[in-house]
Amino acid sequence: MSGCSSKENGNSQSNQNEQTIQINQTEEEISENEDVKNEEELQPTTVTVDYAEAFQSIQGCAVILNSENNTYTFYNEDKCRTRVSPNSTFKVISALIGIHNQVVTSEDGQ
């Protein structure tokens, strides 16, 4: 009888292990589904708008990010996506560094 009893216990333990594996697989599948769902939520939405009236004769572009709903709003999207060197951006940084280090001392930058 003890042989049958331990055999039953072995089967019982085996069944428990199978159930645990099945539960773990289900949890992994749920985790994978949540990851896919989160990735889909992270995909930004793009909207194109016409701000020509606000820009008037200025040939420019604008990108506005609404982080609450992960939406990018583009004015002149093609121009926004064109790579250019950031030359003018560095003028501000260079001027501030010059003022901070007292290299630029006058208002006209001389």
PDB file of N, CA and C in Angstrom:
ATOM      1  N   MET A   1       0.823  -1.184   0.000  1.00  0.00           N
ATOM      2  CA  MET A   1       0.000   0.000   0.000  1.00  0.00           C
ATOM      3  C   MET A   1       0.867   1.248   0.000  1.00  0.00           C
ATOM      4  N   SER A   2       1.959   1.175   0.728  1.00  0.00           N
ATOM      5  CA  SER A   2       2.781   2.370   0.757  1.00  0.00           C
ATOM      6  C   SER A   2       3.336   2.676  -0.621  1.00  0.00           C
ATOM      7  N   GLY A   3       3.603   1.636  -1.441  1.00  0.00           N
ATOM      8  CA  GLY A   3       4.078   1.849  -2.807  1.00  0.00           C
ATOM      9  C   GLY A   3       3.049   2.602  -3.618  1.00  0.00           C
ATOM     10  N   CYS A   4       1.770   2.197  -3.479  1.00  0.00           N
ATOM     11  CA  CYS A   4       0.704   2.890  -4.208  1.00  0.00           C
ATOM     12  C   CYS A   4       0.540   4.298  -3.694  1.00  0.00           C
ATOM     13  N   SER A   5       0.674   4.432  -2.396  1.00  0.00           N
ATOM     14  CA  SER A   5       0.496   5.743  -1.787  1.00  0.00           C
ATOM     15  C   SER A   5       1.555   6.714  -2.281  1.00  0.00           C
ATOM     16  N   SER A   6       2.839   6.262  -2.296  1.00  0.00           N
ATOM     17  CA  SER A   6       3.876   7.171  -2.749  1.00  0.00           C
ATOM     18  C   SER A   6       3.749   7.410  -4.239  1.00  0.00           C
ATOM     19  N   LYS A   7       3.239   6.416  -4.986  1.00  0.00           N
ATOM     20  CA  LYS A   7       3.032   6.605  -6.412  1.00  0.00           C
ATOM     21  C   LYS A   7       1.977   7.675  -6.639  1.00  0.00           C
ATOM     22  N   GLU A   8       0.922   7.592  -5.833  1.00  0.00           N
ATOM     23  CA  GLU A   8      -0.130   8.607  -5.951  1.00  0.00           C
ATOM     24  C   GLU A   8       0.419   9.973  -5.589  1.00  0.00           C
ATOM     25  N   ASN A   9       1.247  10.013  -4.518  1.00  0.00           N
ATOM     26  CA  ASN A   9       1.842  11.293  -4.126  1.00  0.00           C
ATOM     27  C   ASN A   9       2.734  11.835  -5.242  1.00  0.00           C
ATOM     28  N   GLY A  10       3.459  10.931  -5.899  1.00  0.00           N
ATOM     29  CA  GLY A  10       4.315  11.352  -7.006  1.00  0.00           C
ATOM     30  C   GLY A  10       3.480  11.940  -8.125  1.00  0.00           C
ATOM     31  N   ASN A  11       2.375  11.288  -8.461  1.00  0.00           N
ATOM     32  CA  ASN A  11       1.491  11.807  -9.505  1.00  0.00           C
ATOM     33  C   ASN A  11       0.872  13.119  -9.080  1.00  0.00           C
ATOM     34  N   SER A  12       0.500  13.154  -7.811  1.00  0.00           N
ATOM     35  CA  SER A  12      -0.101  14.381  -7.296  1.00  0.00           C
ATOM     36  C   SER A  12       0.887  15.534  -7.392  1.00  0.00           C
ATOM     37  N   GLN A  13       2.144  15.257  -7.022  1.00  0.00           N
ATOM     38  CA  GLN A  13       3.173  16.301  -7.081  1.00  0.00           C
ATOM     39  C   GLN A  13       3.431  16.686  -8.529  1.00  0.00           C
ATOM     40  N   SER A  14       3.433  15.692  -9.413  1.00  0.00           N
ATOM     41  CA  SER A  14       3.644  15.952 -10.834  1.00  0.00           C
ATOM     42  C   SER A  14       2.531  16.835 -11.379  1.00  0.00           C
ATOM     43  N   ASN A  15       1.293  16.524 -10.988  1.00  0.00           N
ATOM     44  CA  ASN A  15       0.157  17.340 -11.419  1.00  0.00           C
ATOM     45  C   ASN A  15       0.277  18.773 -10.908  1.00  0.00           C
ATOM     46  N   GLN A  16       0.731  18.916  -9.657  1.00  0.00           N
ATOM     47  CA  GLN A  16       0.904  20.256  -9.092  1.00  0.00           C
ATOM     48  C   GLN A  16       1.954  21.041  -9.877  1.00  0.00           C
ATOM     49  N   ASN A  17       3.063  20.326 -10.235  1.00  0.00           N
ATOM     50  CA  ASN A  17       4.106  20.989 -11.016  1.00  0.00           C
ATOM     51  C   ASN A  17       3.579  21.436 -12.375  1.00  0.00           C
ATOM     52  N   GLU A  18       2.770  20.558 -13.018  1.00  0.00           N
ATOM     53  CA  GLU A  18       2.188  20.916 -14.309  1.00  0.00           C
ATOM     54  C   GLU A  18       1.276  22.125 -14.160  1.00  0.00           C
ATOM     55  N   GLN A  19       0.467  22.143 -13.102  1.00  0.00           N
ATOM     56  CA  GLN A  19      -0.417  23.275 -12.876  1.00  0.00           C
ATOM     57  C   GLN A  19       0.382  24.553 -12.643  1.00  0.00           C
ATOM     58  N   THR A  20       1.474  24.436 -11.882  1.00  0.00           N
ATOM     59  CA  THR A  20       2.320  25.600 -11.623  1.00  0.00           C
ATOM     60  C   THR A  20       2.910  26.120 -12.923  1.00  0.00           C
ATOM     61  N   ILE A  21       3.394  25.208 -13.765  1.00  0.00           N
ATOM     62  CA  ILE A  21       3.954  25.620 -15.055  1.00  0.00           C
ATOM     63  C   ILE A  21       2.885  26.291 -15.893  1.00  0.00           C
ATOM     64  N   GLN A  22       1.694  25.707 -15.922  1.00  0.00           N
ATOM     65  CA  GLN A  22       0.609  26.303 -16.690  1.00  0.00           C
ATOM     66  C   GLN A  22       0.263  27.686 -16.152  1.00  0.00           C
ATOM     67  N   ILE A  23       0.232  27.847 -14.859  1.00  0.00           N
ATOM     68  CA  ILE A  23      -0.061  29.146 -14.257  1.00  0.00           C
ATOM     69  C   ILE A  23       1.043  30.138 -14.616  1.00  0.00           C
ATOM     70  N   ASN A  24       2.322  29.702 -14.493  1.00  0.00           N
ATOM     71  CA  ASN A  24       3.435  30.574 -14.832  1.00  0.00           C
ATOM     72  C   ASN A  24       3.402  30.976 -16.298  1.00  0.00           C
ATOM     73  N   GLN A  25       3.083  30.039 -17.167  1.00  0.00           N
ATOM     74  CA  GLN A  25       2.992  30.369 -18.579  1.00  0.00           C
ATOM     75  C   GLN A  25       1.894  31.395 -18.802  1.00  0.00           C
ATOM     76  N   THR A  26       0.801  31.221 -18.128  1.00  0.00           N
ATOM     77  CA  THR A  26      -0.300  32.165 -18.261  1.00  0.00           C
ATOM     78  C   THR A  26       0.127  33.543 -17.778  1.00  0.00           C
ATOM     79  N   GLU A  27       0.855  33.602 -16.654  1.00  0.00           N
ATOM     80  CA  GLU A  27       1.340  34.886 -16.147  1.00  0.00           C
ATOM     81  C   GLU A  27       2.318  35.513 -17.125  1.00  0.00           C
ATOM     82  N   GLU A  28       3.205  34.699 -17.735  1.00  0.00           N
ATOM     83  CA  GLU A  28       4.152  35.210 -18.725  1.00  0.00           C
ATOM     84  C   GLU A  28       3.414  35.750 -19.939  1.00  0.00           C
ATOM     85  N   GLU A  29       2.392  35.018 -20.381  1.00  0.00           N
ATOM     86  CA  GLU A  29       1.606  35.469 -21.528  1.00  0.00           C
ATOM     87  C   GLU A  29       0.919  36.789 -21.205  1.00  0.00           C
ATOM     88  N   ILE A  30       0.394  36.892 -20.007  1.00  0.00           N
ATOM     89  CA  ILE A  30      -0.250  38.140 -19.585  1.00  0.00           C
ATOM     90  C   ILE A  30       0.764  39.275 -19.583  1.00  0.00           C
ATOM     91  N   SER A  31       1.959  39.007 -19.061  1.00  0.00           N
ATOM     92  CA  SER A  31       3.014  40.010 -19.020  1.00  0.00           C
ATOM     93  C   SER A  31       3.393  40.451 -20.427  1.00  0.00           C
ATOM     94  N   GLU A  32       3.540  39.483 -21.351  1.00  0.00           N
ATOM     95  CA  GLU A  32       3.871  39.817 -22.742  1.00  0.00           C
ATOM     96  C   GLU A  32       2.771  40.653 -23.371  1.00  0.00           C
ATOM     97  N   ASN A  33       1.512  40.298 -23.119  1.00  0.00           N
ATOM     98  CA  ASN A  33       0.387  41.063 -23.657  1.00  0.00           C
ATOM     99  C   ASN A  33       0.382  42.483 -23.117  1.00  0.00           C
ATOM    100  N   GLU A  34       0.715  42.629 -21.825  1.00  0.00           N
ATOM    101  CA  GLU A  34       0.769  43.967 -21.232  1.00  0.00           C
ATOM    102  C   GLU A  34       1.897  44.782 -21.844  1.00  0.00           C
ATOM    103  N   ASP A  35       3.053  44.127 -22.113  1.00  0.00           N
ATOM    104  CA  ASP A  35       4.174  44.819 -22.738  1.00  0.00           C
ATOM    105  C   ASP A  35       3.791  45.324 -24.120  1.00  0.00           C
ATOM    106  N   VAL A  36       3.115  44.484 -24.908  1.00  0.00           N
ATOM    107  CA  VAL A  36       2.676  44.883 -26.242  1.00  0.00           C
ATOM    108  C   VAL A  36       1.693  46.037 -26.129  1.00  0.00           C
ATOM    109  N   LYS A  37       0.779  45.938 -25.186  1.00  0.00           N
ATOM    110  CA  LYS A  37      -0.211  46.982 -24.978  1.00  0.00           C
ATOM    111  C   LYS A  37       0.473  48.296 -24.587  1.00  0.00           C
ATOM    112  N   ASN A  38       1.464  48.231 -23.683  1.00  0.00           N
ATOM    113  CA  ASN A  38       2.189  49.427 -23.269  1.00  0.00           C
ATOM    114  C   ASN A  38       2.961  50.029 -24.434  1.00  0.00           C
ATOM    115  N   GLU A  39       3.566  49.189 -25.295  1.00  0.00           N
ATOM    116  CA  GLU A  39       4.277  49.695 -26.458  1.00  0.00           C
ATOM    117  C   GLU A  39       3.322  50.405 -27.400  1.00  0.00           C
ATOM    118  N   GLU A  40       2.120  49.855 -27.574  1.00  0.00           N
ATOM    119  CA  GLU A  40       1.127  50.492 -28.435  1.00  0.00           C
ATOM    120  C   GLU A  40       0.720  51.842 -27.864  1.00  0.00           C
ATOM    121  N   GLU A  41       0.585  51.916 -26.541  1.00  0.00           N
ATOM    122  CA  GLU A  41       0.222  53.178 -25.909  1.00  0.00           C
ATOM    123  C   GLU A  41       1.337  54.209 -26.058  1.00  0.00           C
ATOM    124  N   LEU A  42       2.599  53.756 -26.144  1.00  0.00           N
ATOM    125  CA  LEU A  42       3.730  54.656 -26.259  1.00  0.00           C
ATOM    126  C   LEU A  42       3.899  55.212 -27.666  1.00  0.00           C
ATOM    127  N   GLN A  43       3.282  54.587 -28.662  1.00  0.00           N
ATOM    128  CA  GLN A  43       3.410  55.066 -30.027  1.00  0.00           C
ATOM    129  C   GLN A  43       2.754  56.441 -30.135  1.00  0.00           C
ATOM    130  N   PRO A  44       3.533  57.443 -30.576  1.00  0.00           N
ATOM    131  CA  PRO A  44       2.975  58.793 -30.645  1.00  0.00           C
ATOM    132  C   PRO A  44       2.008  58.962 -31.814  1.00  0.00           C
ATOM    133  N   THR A  45       1.100  59.882 -31.644  1.00  0.00           N
ATOM    134  CA  THR A  45       0.182  60.265 -32.692  1.00  0.00           C
ATOM    135  C   THR A  45       0.709  61.555 -33.309  1.00  0.00           C
ATOM    136  N   THR A  46       0.632  61.681 -34.627  1.00  0.00           N
ATOM    137  CA  THR A  46       1.069  62.917 -35.261  1.00  0.00           C
ATOM    138  C   THR A  46      -0.125  63.617 -35.900  1.00  0.00           C
ATOM    139  N   VAL A  47      -0.127  64.934 -35.781  1.00  0.00           N
ATOM    140  CA  VAL A  47      -1.175  65.771 -36.337  1.00  0.00           C
ATOM    141  C   VAL A  47      -0.497  66.877 -37.125  1.00  0.00           C
ATOM    142  N   THR A  48      -1.011  67.182 -38.305  1.00  0.00           N
ATOM    143  CA  THR A  48      -0.469  68.271 -39.108  1.00  0.00           C
ATOM    144  C   THR A  48      -1.445  69.438 -39.051  1.00  0.00           C
ATOM    145  N   VAL A  49      -0.910  70.632 -38.803  1.00  0.00           N
ATOM    146  CA  VAL A  49      -1.743  71.835 -38.720  1.00  0.00           C
ATOM    147  C   VAL A  49      -1.164  72.914 -39.630  1.00  0.00           C
ATOM    148  N   ASP A  50      -1.960  73.924 -39.919  1.00  0.00           N
ATOM    149  CA  ASP A  50      -1.513  75.025 -40.767  1.00  0.00           C
ATOM    150  C   ASP A  50      -1.473  76.309 -39.941  1.00  0.00           C
ATOM    151  N   TYR A  51      -0.262  76.733 -39.566  1.00  0.00           N
ATOM    152  CA  TYR A  51      -0.072  77.970 -38.824  1.00  0.00           C
ATOM    153  C   TYR A  51       0.477  79.074 -39.725  1.00  0.00           C
ATOM    154  N   ALA A  52       0.242  78.983 -41.014  1.00  0.00           N
ATOM    155  CA  ALA A  52       0.793  79.947 -41.973  1.00  0.00           C
ATOM    156  C   ALA A  52       0.409  81.384 -41.598  1.00  0.00           C
ATOM    157  N   GLU A  53      -0.785  81.577 -41.108  1.00  0.00           N
ATOM    158  CA  GLU A  53      -1.226  82.921 -40.731  1.00  0.00           C
ATOM    159  C   GLU A  53      -0.391  83.453 -39.557  1.00  0.00           C
ATOM    160  N   ALA A  54      -0.098  82.615 -38.606  1.00  0.00           N
ATOM    161  CA  ALA A  54       0.702  83.034 -37.451  1.00  0.00           C
ATOM    162  C   ALA A  54       2.152  83.282 -37.841  1.00  0.00           C
ATOM    163  N   PHE A  55       2.683  82.471 -38.759  1.00  0.00           N
ATOM    164  CA  PHE A  55       4.070  82.626 -39.179  1.00  0.00           C
ATOM    165  C   PHE A  55       4.236  83.762 -40.190  1.00  0.00           C
ATOM    166  N   GLN A  56       3.166  84.144 -40.838  1.00  0.00           N
ATOM    167  CA  GLN A  56       3.151  85.182 -41.874  1.00  0.00           C
ATOM    168  C   GLN A  56       4.221  84.908 -42.921  1.00  0.00           C
ATOM    169  N   SER A  57       5.203  85.749 -43.065  1.00  0.00           N
ATOM    170  CA  SER A  57       6.193  85.555 -44.132  1.00  0.00           C
ATOM    171  C   SER A  57       7.407  84.750 -43.665  1.00  0.00           C
ATOM    172  N   ILE A  58       7.419  84.294 -42.435  1.00  0.00           N
ATOM    173  CA  ILE A  58       8.548  83.522 -41.915  1.00  0.00           C
ATOM    174  C   ILE A  58       8.470  82.103 -42.452  1.00  0.00           C
ATOM    175  N   GLN A  59       9.546  81.659 -43.070  1.00  0.00           N
ATOM    176  CA  GLN A  59       9.611  80.293 -43.599  1.00  0.00           C
ATOM    177  C   GLN A  59      10.183  79.388 -42.512  1.00  0.00           C
ATOM    178  N   GLY A  60       9.331  78.830 -41.703  1.00  0.00           N
ATOM    179  CA  GLY A  60       9.798  78.008 -40.597  1.00  0.00           C
ATOM    180  C   GLY A  60       8.924  76.803 -40.387  1.00  0.00           C
ATOM    181  N   CYS A  61       9.137  76.174 -39.257  1.00  0.00           N
ATOM    182  CA  CYS A  61       8.344  75.008 -38.901  1.00  0.00           C
ATOM    183  C   CYS A  61       8.221  74.965 -37.381  1.00  0.00           C
ATOM    184  N   ALA A  62       7.339  74.125 -36.915  1.00  0.00           N
ATOM    185  CA  ALA A  62       7.143  73.994 -35.472  1.00  0.00           C
ATOM    186  C   ALA A  62       6.708  72.566 -35.154  1.00  0.00           C
ATOM    187  N   VAL A  63       7.184  72.086 -34.011  1.00  0.00           N
ATOM    188  CA  VAL A  63       6.760  70.786 -33.485  1.00  0.00           C
ATOM    189  C   VAL A  63       6.321  71.022 -32.052  1.00  0.00           C
ATOM    190  N   ILE A  64       5.119  70.604 -31.747  1.00  0.00           N
ATOM    191  CA  ILE A  64       4.576  70.779 -30.400  1.00  0.00           C
ATOM    192  C   ILE A  64       4.215  69.399 -29.867  1.00  0.00           C
ATOM    193  N   LEU A  65       4.764  69.064 -28.685  1.00  0.00           N
ATOM    194  CA  LEU A  65       4.479  67.771 -28.056  1.00  0.00           C
ATOM    195  C   LEU A  65       3.482  67.960 -26.933  1.00  0.00           C
ATOM    196  N   ASN A  66       2.396  67.228 -26.984  1.00  0.00           N
ATOM    197  CA  ASN A  66       1.457  67.161 -25.877  1.00  0.00           C
ATOM    198  C   ASN A  66       1.737  65.844 -25.167  1.00  0.00           C
ATOM    199  N   SER A  67       2.483  65.905 -24.047  1.00  0.00           N
ATOM    200  CA  SER A  67       2.899  64.682 -23.364  1.00  0.00           C
ATOM    201  C   SER A  67       1.748  63.965 -22.666  1.00  0.00           C
ATOM    202  N   GLU A  68       0.653  64.656 -22.420  1.00  0.00           N
ATOM    203  CA  GLU A  68      -0.478  64.006 -21.753  1.00  0.00           C
ATOM    204  C   GLU A  68      -1.117  62.945 -22.638  1.00  0.00           C
ATOM    205  N   ASN A  69      -1.198  63.205 -23.945  1.00  0.00           N
ATOM    206  CA  ASN A  69      -1.794  62.206 -24.833  1.00  0.00           C
ATOM    207  C   ASN A  69      -0.821  61.723 -25.902  1.00  0.00           C
ATOM    208  N   ASN A  70       0.495  62.026 -25.719  1.00  0.00           N
ATOM    209  CA  ASN A  70       1.559  61.559 -26.597  1.00  0.00           C
ATOM    210  C   ASN A  70       1.287  61.913 -28.057  1.00  0.00           C
ATOM    211  N   THR A  71       0.982  63.199 -28.298  1.00  0.00           N
ATOM    212  CA  THR A  71       0.669  63.678 -29.631  1.00  0.00           C
ATOM    213  C   THR A  71       1.671  64.733 -30.060  1.00  0.00           C
ATOM    214  N   TYR A  72       2.208  64.577 -31.273  1.00  0.00           N
ATOM    215  CA  TYR A  72       3.076  65.580 -31.881  1.00  0.00           C
ATOM    216  C   TYR A  72       2.257  66.356 -32.903  1.00  0.00           C
ATOM    217  N   THR A  73       2.263  67.667 -32.794  1.00  0.00           N
ATOM    218  CA  THR A  73       1.592  68.521 -33.762  1.00  0.00           C
ATOM    219  C   THR A  73       2.667  69.189 -34.600  1.00  0.00           C
ATOM    220  N   PHE A  74       2.577  69.051 -35.925  1.00  0.00           N
ATOM    221  CA  PHE A  74       3.580  69.589 -36.843  1.00  0.00           C
ATOM    222  C   PHE A  74       3.001  70.718 -37.685  1.00  0.00           C
ATOM    223  N   TYR A  75       3.764  71.780 -37.830  1.00  0.00           N
ATOM    224  CA  TYR A  75       3.522  72.785 -38.855  1.00  0.00           C
ATOM    225  C   TYR A  75       4.709  72.691 -39.803  1.00  0.00           C
ATOM    226  N   ASN A  76       4.464  72.472 -41.075  1.00  0.00           N
ATOM    227  CA  ASN A  76       5.499  72.223 -42.084  1.00  0.00           C
ATOM    228  C   ASN A  76       6.345  71.008 -41.689  1.00  0.00           C
ATOM    229  N   GLU A  77       5.687  69.859 -41.582  1.00  0.00           N
ATOM    230  CA  GLU A  77       6.342  68.639 -41.097  1.00  0.00           C
ATOM    231  C   GLU A  77       7.584  68.284 -41.902  1.00  0.00           C
ATOM    232  N   ASP A  78       7.530  68.413 -43.234  1.00  0.00           N
ATOM    233  CA  ASP A  78       8.702  68.080 -44.054  1.00  0.00           C
ATOM    234  C   ASP A  78       9.905  68.935 -43.665  1.00  0.00           C
ATOM    235  N   LYS A  79       9.659  70.213 -43.446  1.00  0.00           N
ATOM    236  CA  LYS A  79      10.738  71.124 -43.058  1.00  0.00           C
ATOM    237  C   LYS A  79      11.261  70.760 -41.657  1.00  0.00           C
ATOM    238  N   CYS A  80      10.362  70.353 -40.768  1.00  0.00           N
ATOM    239  CA  CYS A  80      10.767  69.955 -39.411  1.00  0.00           C
ATOM    240  C   CYS A  80      11.656  68.724 -39.437  1.00  0.00           C
ATOM    241  N   ARG A  81      11.421  67.839 -40.361  1.00  0.00           N
ATOM    242  CA  ARG A  81      12.175  66.587 -40.423  1.00  0.00           C
ATOM    243  C   ARG A  81      13.460  66.709 -41.247  1.00  0.00           C
ATOM    244  N   THR A  82      13.712  67.877 -41.829  1.00  0.00           N
ATOM    245  CA  THR A  82      14.937  68.108 -42.594  1.00  0.00           C
ATOM    246  C   THR A  82      16.068  68.422 -41.627  1.00  0.00           C
ATOM    247  N   ARG A  83      17.157  67.669 -41.732  1.00  0.00           N
ATOM    248  CA  ARG A  83      18.294  67.868 -40.829  1.00  0.00           C
ATOM    249  C   ARG A  83      19.116  69.069 -41.279  1.00  0.00           C
ATOM    250  N   VAL A  84      19.400  69.920 -40.345  1.00  0.00           N
ATOM    251  CA  VAL A  84      20.259  71.081 -40.580  1.00  0.00           C
ATOM    252  C   VAL A  84      21.170  71.244 -39.370  1.00  0.00           C
ATOM    253  N   SER A  85      22.275  71.947 -39.570  1.00  0.00           N
ATOM    254  CA  SER A  85      23.158  72.150 -38.430  1.00  0.00           C
ATOM    255  C   SER A  85      22.570  73.237 -37.543  1.00  0.00           C
ATOM    256  N   PRO A  86      22.732  73.107 -36.230  1.00  0.00           N
ATOM    257  CA  PRO A  86      22.086  74.014 -35.271  1.00  0.00           C
ATOM    258  C   PRO A  86      22.888  75.289 -35.012  1.00  0.00           C
ATOM    259  N   ASN A  87      23.393  75.936 -36.046  1.00  0.00           N
ATOM    260  CA  ASN A  87      24.286  77.076 -35.874  1.00  0.00           C
ATOM    261  C   ASN A  87      23.725  78.170 -34.962  1.00  0.00           C
ATOM    262  N   SER A  88      22.558  78.661 -35.226  1.00  0.00           N
ATOM    263  CA  SER A  88      22.011  79.769 -34.441  1.00  0.00           C
ATOM    264  C   SER A  88      21.758  79.387 -32.992  1.00  0.00           C
ATOM    265  N   THR A  89      21.476  78.144 -32.741  1.00  0.00           N
ATOM    266  CA  THR A  89      21.232  77.686 -31.377  1.00  0.00           C
ATOM    267  C   THR A  89      22.463  77.903 -30.507  1.00  0.00           C
ATOM    268  N   PHE A  90      23.628  77.710 -31.083  1.00  0.00           N
ATOM    269  CA  PHE A  90      24.857  77.839 -30.313  1.00  0.00           C
ATOM    270  C   PHE A  90      25.216  79.292 -29.994  1.00  0.00           C
ATOM    271  N   LYS A  91      24.642  80.243 -30.710  1.00  0.00           N
ATOM    272  CA  LYS A  91      24.934  81.655 -30.429  1.00  0.00           C
ATOM    273  C   LYS A  91      24.484  82.019 -29.010  1.00  0.00           C
ATOM    274  N   VAL A  92      23.344  81.539 -28.626  1.00  0.00           N
ATOM    275  CA  VAL A  92      22.823  81.826 -27.286  1.00  0.00           C
ATOM    276  C   VAL A  92      23.744  81.204 -26.237  1.00  0.00           C
ATOM    277  N   ILE A  93      24.107  79.955 -26.435  1.00  0.00           N
ATOM    278  CA  ILE A  93      24.973  79.263 -25.479  1.00  0.00           C
ATOM    279  C   ILE A  93      26.337  79.950 -25.404  1.00  0.00           C
ATOM    280  N   SER A  94      26.895  80.278 -26.567  1.00  0.00           N
ATOM    281  CA  SER A  94      28.209  80.942 -26.595  1.00  0.00           C
ATOM    282  C   SER A  94      28.157  82.286 -25.889  1.00  0.00           C
ATOM    283  N   ALA A  95      27.087  83.057 -26.108  1.00  0.00           N
ATOM    284  CA  ALA A  95      26.952  84.363 -25.458  1.00  0.00           C
ATOM    285  C   ALA A  95      26.856  84.200 -23.942  1.00  0.00           C
ATOM    286  N   LEU A  96      26.074  83.240 -23.473  1.00  0.00           N
ATOM    287  CA  LEU A  96      25.935  83.026 -22.033  1.00  0.00           C
ATOM    288  C   LEU A  96      27.245  82.572 -21.392  1.00  0.00           C
ATOM    289  N   ILE A  97      27.984  81.713 -22.087  1.00  0.00           N
ATOM    290  CA  ILE A  97      29.289  81.277 -21.569  1.00  0.00           C
ATOM    291  C   ILE A  97      30.243  82.471 -21.513  1.00  0.00           C
ATOM    292  N   GLY A  98      30.211  83.306 -22.563  1.00  0.00           N
ATOM    293  CA  GLY A  98      31.072  84.496 -22.591  1.00  0.00           C
ATOM    294  C   GLY A  98      30.756  85.453 -21.460  1.00  0.00           C
ATOM    295  N   ILE A  99      29.482  85.671 -21.193  1.00  0.00           N
ATOM    296  CA  ILE A  99      29.076  86.559 -20.094  1.00  0.00           C
ATOM    297  C   ILE A  99      29.488  85.948 -18.753  1.00  0.00           C
ATOM    298  N   HIS A 100      29.235  84.662 -18.588  1.00  0.00           N
ATOM    299  CA  HIS A 100      29.567  83.974 -17.339  1.00  0.00           C
ATOM    300  C   HIS A 100      31.067  84.048 -17.045  1.00  0.00           C
ATOM    301  N   ASN A 101      31.885  83.876 -18.063  1.00  0.00           N
ATOM    302  CA  ASN A 101      33.344  83.890 -17.894  1.00  0.00           C
ATOM    303  C   ASN A 101      33.936  85.293 -18.047  1.00  0.00           C
ATOM    304  N   GLN A 102      33.079  86.283 -18.124  1.00  0.00           N
ATOM    305  CA  GLN A 102      33.452  87.692 -18.239  1.00  0.00           C
ATOM    306  C   GLN A 102      34.345  87.967 -19.445  1.00  0.00           C
ATOM    307  N   VAL A 103      34.157  87.184 -20.509  1.00  0.00           N
ATOM    308  CA  VAL A 103      34.839  87.436 -21.773  1.00  0.00           C
ATOM    309  C   VAL A 103      34.056  88.507 -22.533  1.00  0.00           C
ATOM    310  N   VAL A 104      32.740  88.455 -22.457  1.00  0.00           N
ATOM    311  CA  VAL A 104      31.866  89.469 -23.035  1.00  0.00           C
ATOM    312  C   VAL A 104      31.491  90.396 -21.890  1.00  0.00           C
ATOM    313  N   THR A 105      31.867  91.655 -22.020  1.00  0.00           N
ATOM    314  CA  THR A 105      31.625  92.579 -20.920  1.00  0.00           C
ATOM    315  C   THR A 105      30.709  93.741 -21.288  1.00  0.00           C
ATOM    316  N   SER A 106      30.530  93.991 -22.585  1.00  0.00           N
ATOM    317  CA  SER A 106      29.668  95.118 -22.954  1.00  0.00           C
ATOM    318  C   SER A 106      28.354  94.605 -23.532  1.00  0.00           C
ATOM    319  N   GLU A 107      27.366  95.473 -23.586  1.00  0.00           N
ATOM    320  CA  GLU A 107      26.049  95.091 -24.073  1.00  0.00           C
ATOM    321  C   GLU A 107      26.050  94.755 -25.550  1.00  0.00           C
ATOM    322  N   ASP A 108      26.958  95.344 -26.315  1.00  0.00           N
ATOM    323  CA  ASP A 108      26.986  95.060 -27.743  1.00  0.00           C
ATOM    324  C   ASP A 108      27.908  93.894 -28.090  1.00  0.00           C
ATOM    325  N   GLY A 109      28.468  93.233 -27.096  1.00  0.00           N
ATOM    326  CA  GLY A 109      29.262  92.040 -27.304  1.00  0.00           C
ATOM    327  C   GLY A 109      30.674  92.287 -27.731  1.00  0.00           C
ATOM    328  N   GLN A 110      31.171  93.499 -27.554  1.00  0.00           N
ATOM    329  CA  GLN A 110      32.547  93.826 -27.985  1.00  0.00           C
ATOM    330  C   GLN A 110      33.517  93.642 -26.849  1.00  0.00           C
TER     331      GLN A 110
END
